[in-house]
Amino acid sequence: MTTITLELTDDLAESITAVRHRLPEIIALGLDRLSPLPAQVYSYVLSFLASGPTPEQLMGFRPTPEMQERLESLLDKSRSDSLTEAERKELEEYERIEHIVVMLKARPLPHLTPAG
């Protein structure tokens, strides 16, 4: 068994006292629901889509240089069969997002199509 020491605010420490015996369960549940990608990746994609891009802007949509660099690193590790489980999940999530964007590019949403 491993012991972990955390620094918490007094309010959070007080809240945890009542459920101390369930901390391993609470942490495990939180980790299971933790997204494999940083929040800023989703924020970048959603902000772009919420901006009401034109079909041309949609066609030109690309990941940020940082996202592209991370994706290339994951793909390199995948090719050499050296991905960790967390990295595999991260790569799968990037692939899911890419699939959605490709589908949008292939068939733009009606509200993104100029009125004619």
N, C-alpha and C. Protein backbone atom coordinates (compact mmCIF):
# COMPACT_ATOMS: atom_id res chain seq x y z
N MET A 1 0.86 -1.17 0.00
CA MET A 1 0.00 0.00 0.00
C MET A 1 0.90 1.23 0.00
N THR A 2 0.47 2.27 -0.70
CA THR A 2 1.21 3.52 -0.81
C THR A 2 0.54 4.60 0.03
N THR A 3 1.34 5.41 0.68
CA THR A 3 0.83 6.54 1.44
C THR A 3 1.10 7.81 0.65
N ILE A 4 0.08 8.65 0.54
CA ILE A 4 0.19 9.92 -0.19
C ILE A 4 -0.16 11.05 0.76
N THR A 5 0.65 12.09 0.75
CA THR A 5 0.39 13.26 1.58
C THR A 5 -0.06 14.40 0.67
N LEU A 6 -1.17 15.04 0.99
CA LEU A 6 -1.72 16.14 0.19
C LEU A 6 -1.84 17.39 1.04
N GLU A 7 -1.65 18.52 0.40
CA GLU A 7 -1.93 19.79 1.06
C GLU A 7 -3.29 20.26 0.56
N LEU A 8 -4.21 20.50 1.48
CA LEU A 8 -5.57 20.89 1.15
C LEU A 8 -5.94 22.17 1.89
N THR A 9 -6.92 22.87 1.34
CA THR A 9 -7.44 24.01 2.08
C THR A 9 -8.14 23.50 3.32
N ASP A 10 -8.28 24.33 4.31
CA ASP A 10 -8.94 23.91 5.55
C ASP A 10 -10.37 23.47 5.29
N ASP A 11 -11.08 24.20 4.41
CA ASP A 11 -12.47 23.85 4.10
C ASP A 11 -12.57 22.47 3.46
N LEU A 12 -11.68 22.20 2.50
CA LEU A 12 -11.71 20.90 1.85
C LEU A 12 -11.34 19.78 2.83
N ALA A 13 -10.35 20.02 3.65
CA ALA A 13 -9.94 19.02 4.64
C ALA A 13 -11.10 18.71 5.59
N GLU A 14 -11.84 19.74 5.97
CA GLU A 14 -13.00 19.53 6.85
C GLU A 14 -14.07 18.70 6.16
N SER A 15 -14.29 18.97 4.88
CA SER A 15 -15.29 18.21 4.12
C SER A 15 -14.88 16.75 3.98
N ILE A 16 -13.61 16.50 3.82
CA ILE A 16 -13.12 15.14 3.61
C ILE A 16 -13.20 14.31 4.89
N THR A 17 -13.10 14.95 6.02
CA THR A 17 -13.09 14.22 7.29
C THR A 17 -14.28 13.27 7.41
N ALA A 18 -15.45 13.71 6.97
CA ALA A 18 -16.66 12.89 7.10
C ALA A 18 -16.65 11.68 6.17
N VAL A 19 -15.89 11.74 5.09
CA VAL A 19 -15.88 10.63 4.13
C VAL A 19 -14.50 10.01 3.98
N ARG A 20 -13.67 10.24 4.95
CA ARG A 20 -12.27 9.77 4.90
C ARG A 20 -12.18 8.28 4.54
N HIS A 21 -13.04 7.46 5.08
CA HIS A 21 -13.00 6.02 4.83
C HIS A 21 -13.33 5.67 3.37
N ARG A 22 -13.92 6.61 2.64
CA ARG A 22 -14.30 6.37 1.24
C ARG A 22 -13.37 7.05 0.25
N LEU A 23 -12.29 7.67 0.71
CA LEU A 23 -11.39 8.39 -0.18
C LEU A 23 -10.86 7.55 -1.34
N PRO A 24 -10.40 6.33 -1.12
CA PRO A 24 -9.94 5.54 -2.28
C PRO A 24 -11.02 5.36 -3.34
N GLU A 25 -12.24 5.12 -2.90
CA GLU A 25 -13.37 4.96 -3.83
C GLU A 25 -13.64 6.27 -4.57
N ILE A 26 -13.65 7.38 -3.85
CA ILE A 26 -13.92 8.69 -4.46
C ILE A 26 -12.85 9.04 -5.48
N ILE A 27 -11.60 8.79 -5.15
CA ILE A 27 -10.50 9.07 -6.07
C ILE A 27 -10.60 8.19 -7.31
N ALA A 28 -10.89 6.92 -7.12
CA ALA A 28 -11.03 5.99 -8.26
C ALA A 28 -12.15 6.43 -9.19
N LEU A 29 -13.28 6.82 -8.63
CA LEU A 29 -14.40 7.29 -9.45
C LEU A 29 -14.02 8.54 -10.23
N GLY A 30 -13.32 9.45 -9.58
CA GLY A 30 -12.89 10.67 -10.25
C GLY A 30 -11.93 10.38 -11.38
N LEU A 31 -11.02 9.46 -11.18
CA LEU A 31 -10.06 9.11 -12.22
C LEU A 31 -10.74 8.42 -13.39
N ASP A 32 -11.76 7.60 -13.12
CA ASP A 32 -12.50 6.94 -14.19
C ASP A 32 -13.21 7.95 -15.08
N ARG A 33 -13.63 9.06 -14.50
CA ARG A 33 -14.38 10.06 -15.26
C ARG A 33 -13.49 11.17 -15.80
N LEU A 34 -12.21 11.12 -15.48
CA LEU A 34 -11.28 12.14 -15.92
C LEU A 34 -11.07 12.02 -17.43
N SER A 35 -11.17 13.12 -18.11
CA SER A 35 -10.98 13.12 -19.55
C SER A 35 -9.53 12.83 -19.88
N PRO A 36 -9.29 12.09 -20.96
CA PRO A 36 -7.90 11.81 -21.34
C PRO A 36 -7.18 13.02 -21.91
N LEU A 37 -7.93 14.06 -22.27
CA LEU A 37 -7.31 15.27 -22.85
C LEU A 37 -7.47 16.45 -21.90
N PRO A 38 -6.55 17.39 -21.98
CA PRO A 38 -6.71 18.60 -21.16
C PRO A 38 -7.96 19.38 -21.59
N ALA A 39 -8.56 20.08 -20.67
CA ALA A 39 -9.79 20.83 -20.94
C ALA A 39 -9.61 21.83 -22.07
N GLN A 40 -8.39 22.39 -22.21
CA GLN A 40 -8.19 23.41 -23.25
C GLN A 40 -8.35 22.85 -24.66
N VAL A 41 -8.17 21.54 -24.84
CA VAL A 41 -8.38 20.95 -26.17
C VAL A 41 -9.86 21.02 -26.52
N TYR A 42 -10.72 20.60 -25.60
CA TYR A 42 -12.16 20.67 -25.84
C TYR A 42 -12.61 22.12 -25.98
N SER A 43 -12.07 22.98 -25.16
CA SER A 43 -12.42 24.40 -25.20
C SER A 43 -12.08 25.00 -26.56
N TYR A 44 -10.93 24.65 -27.10
CA TYR A 44 -10.49 25.15 -28.41
C TYR A 44 -11.48 24.73 -29.50
N VAL A 45 -11.83 23.46 -29.51
CA VAL A 45 -12.75 22.94 -30.55
C VAL A 45 -14.14 23.55 -30.37
N LEU A 46 -14.66 23.55 -29.15
CA LEU A 46 -16.00 24.07 -28.92
C LEU A 46 -16.08 25.57 -29.18
N SER A 47 -15.05 26.31 -28.80
CA SER A 47 -15.05 27.76 -29.07
C SER A 47 -15.08 28.03 -30.55
N PHE A 48 -14.32 27.25 -31.31
CA PHE A 48 -14.33 27.41 -32.76
C PHE A 48 -15.72 27.14 -33.33
N LEU A 49 -16.32 26.02 -32.93
CA LEU A 49 -17.64 25.68 -33.47
C LEU A 49 -18.71 26.67 -33.02
N ALA A 50 -18.60 27.17 -31.80
CA ALA A 50 -19.57 28.13 -31.29
C ALA A 50 -19.43 29.50 -31.96
N SER A 51 -18.31 29.74 -32.59
CA SER A 51 -18.09 31.04 -33.26
C SER A 51 -18.89 31.16 -34.56
N GLY A 52 -19.55 30.07 -34.96
CA GLY A 52 -20.33 30.10 -36.20
C GLY A 52 -19.44 30.20 -37.43
N PRO A 53 -18.47 29.31 -37.56
CA PRO A 53 -17.53 29.42 -38.68
C PRO A 53 -18.21 29.25 -40.03
N THR A 54 -17.66 29.92 -41.01
CA THR A 54 -18.14 29.76 -42.39
C THR A 54 -17.67 28.39 -42.88
N PRO A 55 -18.25 27.89 -43.96
CA PRO A 55 -17.76 26.61 -44.51
C PRO A 55 -16.26 26.66 -44.81
N GLU A 56 -15.78 27.80 -45.27
CA GLU A 56 -14.36 27.94 -45.58
C GLU A 56 -13.51 27.86 -44.31
N GLN A 57 -13.97 28.51 -43.25
CA GLN A 57 -13.25 28.44 -41.98
C GLN A 57 -13.27 27.02 -41.43
N LEU A 58 -14.39 26.36 -41.58
CA LEU A 58 -14.50 24.98 -41.12
C LEU A 58 -13.50 24.09 -41.86
N MET A 59 -13.39 24.29 -43.17
CA MET A 59 -12.45 23.50 -43.96
C MET A 59 -11.00 23.77 -43.54
N GLY A 60 -10.72 24.97 -43.07
CA GLY A 60 -9.37 25.33 -42.68
C GLY A 60 -9.04 25.04 -41.22
N PHE A 61 -10.00 24.51 -40.48
CA PHE A 61 -9.79 24.26 -39.05
C PHE A 61 -8.70 23.22 -38.85
N ARG A 62 -7.76 23.55 -37.98
CA ARG A 62 -6.65 22.67 -37.66
C ARG A 62 -6.37 22.70 -36.16
N PRO A 63 -5.71 21.68 -35.65
CA PRO A 63 -5.32 21.71 -34.24
C PRO A 63 -4.26 22.80 -34.03
N THR A 64 -4.13 23.22 -32.78
CA THR A 64 -3.08 24.18 -32.45
C THR A 64 -1.72 23.49 -32.65
N PRO A 65 -0.65 24.26 -32.78
CA PRO A 65 0.67 23.63 -32.91
C PRO A 65 1.00 22.70 -31.74
N GLU A 66 0.59 23.08 -30.52
CA GLU A 66 0.84 22.23 -29.36
C GLU A 66 0.06 20.92 -29.46
N MET A 67 -1.20 21.02 -29.89
CA MET A 67 -2.01 19.82 -30.04
C MET A 67 -1.41 18.92 -31.13
N GLN A 68 -1.00 19.52 -32.23
CA GLN A 68 -0.42 18.76 -33.34
C GLN A 68 0.87 18.07 -32.90
N GLU A 69 1.69 18.77 -32.14
CA GLU A 69 2.94 18.19 -31.65
C GLU A 69 2.67 17.00 -30.73
N ARG A 70 1.70 17.15 -29.84
CA ARG A 70 1.35 16.05 -28.93
C ARG A 70 0.81 14.86 -29.70
N LEU A 71 -0.05 15.13 -30.68
CA LEU A 71 -0.63 14.07 -31.48
C LEU A 71 0.46 13.31 -32.24
N GLU A 72 1.40 14.03 -32.82
CA GLU A 72 2.50 13.38 -33.55
C GLU A 72 3.34 12.52 -32.61
N SER A 73 3.56 13.00 -31.39
CA SER A 73 4.31 12.22 -30.40
C SER A 73 3.57 10.93 -30.06
N LEU A 74 2.26 11.04 -29.87
CA LEU A 74 1.46 9.85 -29.57
C LEU A 74 1.46 8.87 -30.74
N LEU A 75 1.36 9.38 -31.95
CA LEU A 75 1.37 8.51 -33.13
C LEU A 75 2.71 7.80 -33.27
N ASP A 76 3.82 8.52 -33.01
CA ASP A 76 5.15 7.89 -33.06
C ASP A 76 5.25 6.76 -32.04
N LYS A 77 4.77 7.02 -30.81
CA LYS A 77 4.80 5.99 -29.78
C LYS A 77 3.91 4.81 -30.16
N SER A 78 2.79 5.11 -30.80
CA SER A 78 1.87 4.05 -31.22
C SER A 78 2.54 3.16 -32.27
N ARG A 79 3.23 3.79 -33.21
CA ARG A 79 3.91 3.01 -34.25
C ARG A 79 5.00 2.11 -33.66
N SER A 80 5.64 2.57 -32.59
CA SER A 80 6.69 1.76 -31.97
C SER A 80 6.12 0.87 -30.86
N ASP A 81 4.80 0.86 -30.75
CA ASP A 81 4.10 0.02 -29.77
C ASP A 81 4.57 0.29 -28.34
N SER A 82 4.74 1.59 -28.01
CA SER A 82 5.22 1.92 -26.67
C SER A 82 4.29 2.88 -25.93
N LEU A 83 3.02 2.91 -26.33
CA LEU A 83 2.05 3.76 -25.64
C LEU A 83 1.69 3.18 -24.27
N THR A 84 1.57 4.05 -23.29
CA THR A 84 1.01 3.62 -22.02
C THR A 84 -0.51 3.56 -22.18
N GLU A 85 -1.20 3.01 -21.21
CA GLU A 85 -2.66 2.95 -21.28
C GLU A 85 -3.26 4.35 -21.33
N ALA A 86 -2.74 5.27 -20.54
CA ALA A 86 -3.24 6.64 -20.54
C ALA A 86 -3.01 7.30 -21.90
N GLU A 87 -1.85 7.07 -22.49
CA GLU A 87 -1.55 7.64 -23.81
C GLU A 87 -2.45 7.03 -24.88
N ARG A 88 -2.75 5.75 -24.77
CA ARG A 88 -3.66 5.10 -25.73
C ARG A 88 -5.04 5.76 -25.67
N LYS A 89 -5.53 6.01 -24.45
CA LYS A 89 -6.82 6.67 -24.30
C LYS A 89 -6.78 8.09 -24.85
N GLU A 90 -5.68 8.78 -24.62
CA GLU A 90 -5.51 10.14 -25.13
C GLU A 90 -5.54 10.14 -26.66
N LEU A 91 -4.83 9.23 -27.28
CA LEU A 91 -4.81 9.13 -28.73
C LEU A 91 -6.20 8.80 -29.27
N GLU A 92 -6.90 7.89 -28.62
CA GLU A 92 -8.25 7.55 -29.05
C GLU A 92 -9.17 8.76 -28.98
N GLU A 93 -9.01 9.59 -27.96
CA GLU A 93 -9.86 10.78 -27.84
C GLU A 93 -9.54 11.79 -28.93
N TYR A 94 -8.26 11.99 -29.24
CA TYR A 94 -7.88 12.86 -30.36
C TYR A 94 -8.49 12.32 -31.65
N GLU A 95 -8.48 11.01 -31.84
CA GLU A 95 -9.05 10.41 -33.04
C GLU A 95 -10.56 10.62 -33.10
N ARG A 96 -11.24 10.55 -31.96
CA ARG A 96 -12.69 10.81 -31.92
C ARG A 96 -13.00 12.24 -32.35
N ILE A 97 -12.23 13.17 -31.81
CA ILE A 97 -12.43 14.58 -32.17
C ILE A 97 -12.16 14.78 -33.65
N GLU A 98 -11.09 14.18 -34.15
CA GLU A 98 -10.77 14.31 -35.57
C GLU A 98 -11.90 13.74 -36.44
N HIS A 99 -12.47 12.63 -36.03
CA HIS A 99 -13.58 12.02 -36.77
C HIS A 99 -14.77 12.97 -36.84
N ILE A 100 -15.10 13.62 -35.73
CA ILE A 100 -16.21 14.57 -35.71
C ILE A 100 -15.93 15.73 -36.66
N VAL A 101 -14.71 16.27 -36.61
CA VAL A 101 -14.35 17.40 -37.48
C VAL A 101 -14.40 16.98 -38.95
N VAL A 102 -13.90 15.80 -39.26
CA VAL A 102 -13.95 15.31 -40.65
C VAL A 102 -15.40 15.18 -41.12
N MET A 103 -16.27 14.68 -40.25
CA MET A 103 -17.69 14.57 -40.61
C MET A 103 -18.29 15.95 -40.85
N LEU A 104 -17.94 16.93 -40.03
CA LEU A 104 -18.44 18.29 -40.22
C LEU A 104 -17.94 18.88 -41.53
N LYS A 105 -16.70 18.61 -41.87
CA LYS A 105 -16.13 19.12 -43.11
C LYS A 105 -16.79 18.48 -44.33
N ALA A 106 -17.15 17.20 -44.20
CA ALA A 106 -17.77 16.49 -45.31
C ALA A 106 -19.21 16.93 -45.53
N ARG A 107 -19.86 17.34 -44.46
CA ARG A 107 -21.26 17.74 -44.56
C ARG A 107 -21.52 18.82 -43.52
N PRO A 108 -21.27 20.08 -43.88
CA PRO A 108 -21.44 21.17 -42.91
C PRO A 108 -22.86 21.22 -42.35
N LEU A 109 -22.97 21.62 -41.11
CA LEU A 109 -24.27 21.76 -40.47
C LEU A 109 -25.08 22.84 -41.17
N PRO A 110 -26.41 22.68 -41.25
CA PRO A 110 -27.25 23.67 -41.94
C PRO A 110 -27.05 25.09 -41.47
N HIS A 111 -26.87 25.31 -40.17
CA HIS A 111 -26.71 26.68 -39.70
C HIS A 111 -25.35 27.28 -40.05
N LEU A 112 -24.45 26.44 -40.57
CA LEU A 112 -23.15 26.95 -41.01
C LEU A 112 -23.14 27.22 -42.52
N THR A 113 -24.19 26.80 -43.21
CA THR A 113 -24.26 26.99 -44.65
C THR A 113 -24.89 28.34 -44.95
N PRO A 114 -24.25 29.14 -45.83
CA PRO A 114 -24.81 30.46 -46.16
C PRO A 114 -26.19 30.32 -46.77
N ALA A 115 -27.08 31.26 -46.40
CA ALA A 115 -28.43 31.28 -46.95
C ALA A 115 -28.35 31.63 -48.42
N GLY A 116 -29.15 30.98 -49.20
CA GLY A 116 -29.04 31.23 -50.63
C GLY A 116 -30.32 31.56 -51.17
